[in-house]
Structures are given as structure tokens and as C-alpha cells.
Amino acid sequence: MTVVDISRSFNKKWPIDNLDEKRNEIFSTPGLHDFLQKLRNFSSHWRIAKPNWIIMHDSKTGARIASFVISKDELLKWGDWGSKARLYIEKTDQNIDIHKIITQYKNMFNFIIAGIKAN
């Protein structure tokens, strides 16, 4: 079940005034919400993307940083992204860091939950 499905079910049981406006305000990164929705469709109905690991070494701190990425070129081979998701992909460099965007989205979602609990 996707976040969208969960929010729709939640809103039926506990209606939130102006849900779409609030969602657009909180999920303010242009195209991120649309990209994640369409990524589900990409993976479920077209094919599983071939992710890669990128491991970088910080010479100053000695730390290694690993990123789990999907290439922009591979994603753009699919033609059903929609305008907002496609623009989100096109604005990235070469790769989309899956951990980074899921963490960003999770933090936005947690902000909504905290607001609901406060009421």
C-alpha cells in the first residue's frame, strides 16, 4: 500500500480540511510526490530499475559515503512519468539517490503525522 492509498483511507476515517492544499504545502519539493507515485507504477507495471551503489571517499575525514542510486537515463526510457515527475527526473544530475529522496519524503510525512497528533 502506498502513502497515497494510506492517506486516502486515513482521510475517509478522519477527514482533514483542505487535505490537497496541506499536502502541496508540506510536500513542497516540486515533483517529488509525483515521482515516488510514478516510481511505484514504473516498478510494478513496467520493470524494476537497475540500481547501483556509488561509494565515495572523503579524503578530509576518511569517511566513506555509500549511495543507492538509479540512473536518470534508465528512468527516462519509460514514457509514462507525467510532466511533474519527468521534470523532477530531468532536473537531477545523473542519478537519483533513492535513500536520500525516501528519507526526505519520510520526514515530510512525519511532519504531517506530528501535526495530526497535536490536534
C-alpha atoms as a PDB file:
ATOM      1  CA  MET A   1       0.000   0.000   0.000  1.00  0.00           C
ATOM      2  CA  THR A   2       1.400   3.385  -0.965  1.00  0.00           C
ATOM      3  CA  VAL A   3       1.456   6.558   1.073  1.00  0.00           C
ATOM      4  CA  VAL A   4      -1.260   7.897  -1.223  1.00  0.00           C
ATOM      5  CA  ASP A   5      -3.518   4.904  -0.511  1.00  0.00           C
ATOM      6  CA  ILE A   6      -2.888   5.233   3.209  1.00  0.00           C
ATOM      7  CA  SER A   7      -3.665   8.956   3.206  1.00  0.00           C
ATOM      8  CA  ARG A   8      -6.901   8.385   1.277  1.00  0.00           C
ATOM      9  CA  SER A   9      -8.019   5.700   3.735  1.00  0.00           C
ATOM     10  CA  PHE A  10      -6.999   7.858   6.669  1.00  0.00           C
ATOM     11  CA  ASN A  11      -8.901  10.857   5.302  1.00  0.00           C
ATOM     12  CA  LYS A  12     -12.081   8.790   4.880  1.00  0.00           C
ATOM     13  CA  LYS A  13     -11.963   7.767   8.533  1.00  0.00           C
ATOM     14  CA  TRP A  14     -10.648  11.057   9.963  1.00  0.00           C
ATOM     15  CA  PRO A  15     -11.349  13.831   7.421  1.00  0.00           C
ATOM     16  CA  ILE A  16      -8.821  16.653   7.183  1.00  0.00           C
ATOM     17  CA  ASP A  17      -9.982  20.013   5.832  1.00  0.00           C
ATOM     18  CA  ASN A  18      -8.154  21.118   2.673  1.00  0.00           C
ATOM     19  CA  LEU A  19      -6.089  17.922   2.504  1.00  0.00           C
ATOM     20  CA  ASP A  20      -4.771  18.588  -1.028  1.00  0.00           C
ATOM     21  CA  GLU A  21      -3.679  22.120  -0.134  1.00  0.00           C
ATOM     22  CA  LYS A  22      -1.940  20.919   3.025  1.00  0.00           C
ATOM     23  CA  ARG A  23      -0.245  18.092   1.133  1.00  0.00           C
ATOM     24  CA  ASN A  24       1.030  20.511  -1.514  1.00  0.00           C
ATOM     25  CA  GLU A  25       2.282  22.888   1.178  1.00  0.00           C
ATOM     26  CA  ILE A  26       4.174  20.213   3.131  1.00  0.00           C
ATOM     27  CA  PHE A  27       5.379  18.181   0.160  1.00  0.00           C
ATOM     28  CA  SER A  28       6.834  21.285  -1.398  1.00  0.00           C
ATOM     29  CA  THR A  29       9.733  19.765  -3.369  1.00  0.00           C
ATOM     30  CA  PRO A  30       8.389  20.114  -6.913  1.00  0.00           C
ATOM     31  CA  GLY A  31       7.719  16.715  -8.462  1.00  0.00           C
ATOM     32  CA  LEU A  32       8.945  14.533  -5.561  1.00  0.00           C
ATOM     33  CA  HIS A  33       5.489  13.253  -4.612  1.00  0.00           C
ATOM     34  CA  ASP A  34       4.622  12.613  -8.263  1.00  0.00           C
ATOM     35  CA  PHE A  35       7.972  10.917  -8.885  1.00  0.00           C
ATOM     36  CA  LEU A  36       7.501   8.477  -5.997  1.00  0.00           C
ATOM     37  CA  GLN A  37       3.954   7.680  -7.101  1.00  0.00           C
ATOM     38  CA  LYS A  38       5.086   7.013 -10.655  1.00  0.00           C
ATOM     39  CA  LEU A  39       8.182   5.080  -9.491  1.00  0.00           C
ATOM     40  CA  ARG A  40       5.767   2.610  -7.924  1.00  0.00           C
ATOM     41  CA  ASN A  41       3.978   2.281 -11.281  1.00  0.00           C
ATOM     42  CA  PHE A  42       7.306   2.055 -13.114  1.00  0.00           C
ATOM     43  CA  SER A  43       8.377  -0.826 -10.860  1.00  0.00           C
ATOM     44  CA  SER A  44       5.004  -2.589 -10.712  1.00  0.00           C
ATOM     45  CA  HIS A  45       3.879  -2.299 -14.306  1.00  0.00           C
ATOM     46  CA  TRP A  46       6.953  -1.824 -16.480  1.00  0.00           C
ATOM     47  CA  ARG A  47      10.157  -3.146 -14.938  1.00  0.00           C
ATOM     48  CA  ILE A  48      12.355  -2.993 -11.889  1.00  0.00           C
ATOM     49  CA  ALA A  49      15.020  -0.318 -12.241  1.00  0.00           C
ATOM     50  CA  LYS A  50      18.626  -1.453 -12.072  1.00  0.00           C
ATOM     51  CA  PRO A  51      20.026   0.345  -9.026  1.00  0.00           C
ATOM     52  CA  ASN A  52      23.713   0.905  -8.440  1.00  0.00           C
ATOM     53  CA  TRP A  53      25.881   1.669  -5.469  1.00  0.00           C
ATOM     54  CA  ILE A  54      28.162   4.671  -5.537  1.00  0.00           C
ATOM     55  CA  ILE A  55      30.785   4.697  -2.822  1.00  0.00           C
ATOM     56  CA  MET A  56      32.722   7.900  -2.296  1.00  0.00           C
ATOM     57  CA  HIS A  57      35.662   8.535  -0.008  1.00  0.00           C
ATOM     58  CA  ASP A  58      36.028  11.831   1.842  1.00  0.00           C
ATOM     59  CA  SER A  59      39.782  12.455   1.922  1.00  0.00           C
ATOM     60  CA  LYS A  60      39.488  15.003   4.757  1.00  0.00           C
ATOM     61  CA  THR A  61      37.527  12.883   7.214  1.00  0.00           C
ATOM     62  CA  GLY A  62      38.369   9.439   5.877  1.00  0.00           C
ATOM     63  CA  ALA A  63      34.660   8.593   5.812  1.00  0.00           C
ATOM     64  CA  ARG A  64      33.090   6.517   3.094  1.00  0.00           C
ATOM     65  CA  ILE A  65      29.681   7.516   1.869  1.00  0.00           C
ATOM     66  CA  ALA A  66      27.512   4.992   0.043  1.00  0.00           C
ATOM     67  CA  SER A  67      24.574   5.984  -2.129  1.00  0.00           C
ATOM     68  CA  PHE A  68      21.939   3.693  -3.616  1.00  0.00           C
ATOM     69  CA  VAL A  69      21.054   5.251  -6.967  1.00  0.00           C
ATOM     70  CA  ILE A  70      19.033   4.783 -10.130  1.00  0.00           C
ATOM     71  CA  SER A  71      20.320   6.396 -13.291  1.00  0.00           C
ATOM     72  CA  LYS A  72      18.361   9.250 -14.770  1.00  0.00           C
ATOM     73  CA  ASP A  73      18.815   7.816 -18.275  1.00  0.00           C
ATOM     74  CA  GLU A  74      17.274   4.478 -17.304  1.00  0.00           C
ATOM     75  CA  LEU A  75      14.271   6.140 -15.698  1.00  0.00           C
ATOM     76  CA  LEU A  76      13.635   8.381 -18.700  1.00  0.00           C
ATOM     77  CA  LYS A  77      13.306   5.357 -21.012  1.00  0.00           C
ATOM     78  CA  TRP A  78       9.784   4.912 -19.602  1.00  0.00           C
ATOM     79  CA  GLY A  79       7.213   7.179 -21.207  1.00  0.00           C
ATOM     80  CA  ASP A  80       4.525   7.362 -18.516  1.00  0.00           C
ATOM     81  CA  TRP A  81       6.078   9.634 -15.877  1.00  0.00           C
ATOM     82  CA  GLY A  82       3.744  12.575 -16.284  1.00  0.00           C
ATOM     83  CA  SER A  83       5.005  16.141 -16.541  1.00  0.00           C
ATOM     84  CA  LYS A  84       5.841  16.825 -12.861  1.00  0.00           C
ATOM     85  CA  ALA A  85       7.692  13.549 -12.273  1.00  0.00           C
ATOM     86  CA  ARG A  86       9.546  13.820 -15.596  1.00  0.00           C
ATOM     87  CA  LEU A  87      10.657  17.361 -14.752  1.00  0.00           C
ATOM     88  CA  TYR A  88      11.840  16.145 -11.334  1.00  0.00           C
ATOM     89  CA  ILE A  89      13.955  13.457 -13.023  1.00  0.00           C
ATOM     90  CA  GLU A  90      15.290  15.815 -15.689  1.00  0.00           C
ATOM     91  CA  LYS A  91      16.449  18.326 -13.060  1.00  0.00           C
ATOM     92  CA  THR A  92      18.679  15.751 -11.349  1.00  0.00           C
ATOM     93  CA  ASP A  93      22.329  15.366 -12.256  1.00  0.00           C
ATOM     94  CA  GLN A  94      22.939  11.820 -13.474  1.00  0.00           C
ATOM     95  CA  ASN A  95      21.464   9.683 -10.719  1.00  0.00           C
ATOM     96  CA  ILE A  96      18.621   9.744  -8.227  1.00  0.00           C
ATOM     97  CA  ASP A  97      19.723   8.793  -4.717  1.00  0.00           C
ATOM     98  CA  ILE A  98      16.880   6.559  -3.538  1.00  0.00           C
ATOM     99  CA  HIS A  99      17.815   6.678   0.166  1.00  0.00           C
ATOM    100  CA  LYS A 100      18.009  10.465   0.079  1.00  0.00           C
ATOM    101  CA  ILE A 101      14.595  11.015  -1.519  1.00  0.00           C
ATOM    102  CA  ILE A 102      12.831   8.410   0.622  1.00  0.00           C
ATOM    103  CA  THR A 103      14.331   9.985   3.752  1.00  0.00           C
ATOM    104  CA  GLN A 104      13.223  13.427   2.565  1.00  0.00           C
ATOM    105  CA  TYR A 105       9.702  12.155   1.854  1.00  0.00           C
ATOM    106  CA  LYS A 106       9.526  10.303   5.181  1.00  0.00           C
ATOM    107  CA  ASN A 107      10.460  13.487   7.037  1.00  0.00           C
ATOM    108  CA  MET A 108       7.665  15.378   5.262  1.00  0.00           C
ATOM    109  CA  PHE A 109       5.205  12.615   6.098  1.00  0.00           C
ATOM    110  CA  ASN A 110       6.327  12.619   9.759  1.00  0.00           C
ATOM    111  CA  PHE A 111       5.643  16.358   9.846  1.00  0.00           C
ATOM    112  CA  ILE A 112       2.030  15.668   8.843  1.00  0.00           C
ATOM    113  CA  ILE A 113       1.653  12.937  11.470  1.00  0.00           C
ATOM    114  CA  ALA A 114       3.061  15.238  14.171  1.00  0.00           C
ATOM    115  CA  GLY A 115       0.537  17.911  13.167  1.00  0.00           C
ATOM    116  CA  ILE A 116      -2.335  15.435  13.340  1.00  0.00           C
ATOM    117  CA  LYS A 117      -1.249  14.163  16.763  1.00  0.00           C
ATOM    118  CA  ALA A 118      -1.059  17.744  18.039  1.00  0.00           C
ATOM    119  CA  ASN A 119      -4.760  18.280  17.222  1.00  0.00           C
END
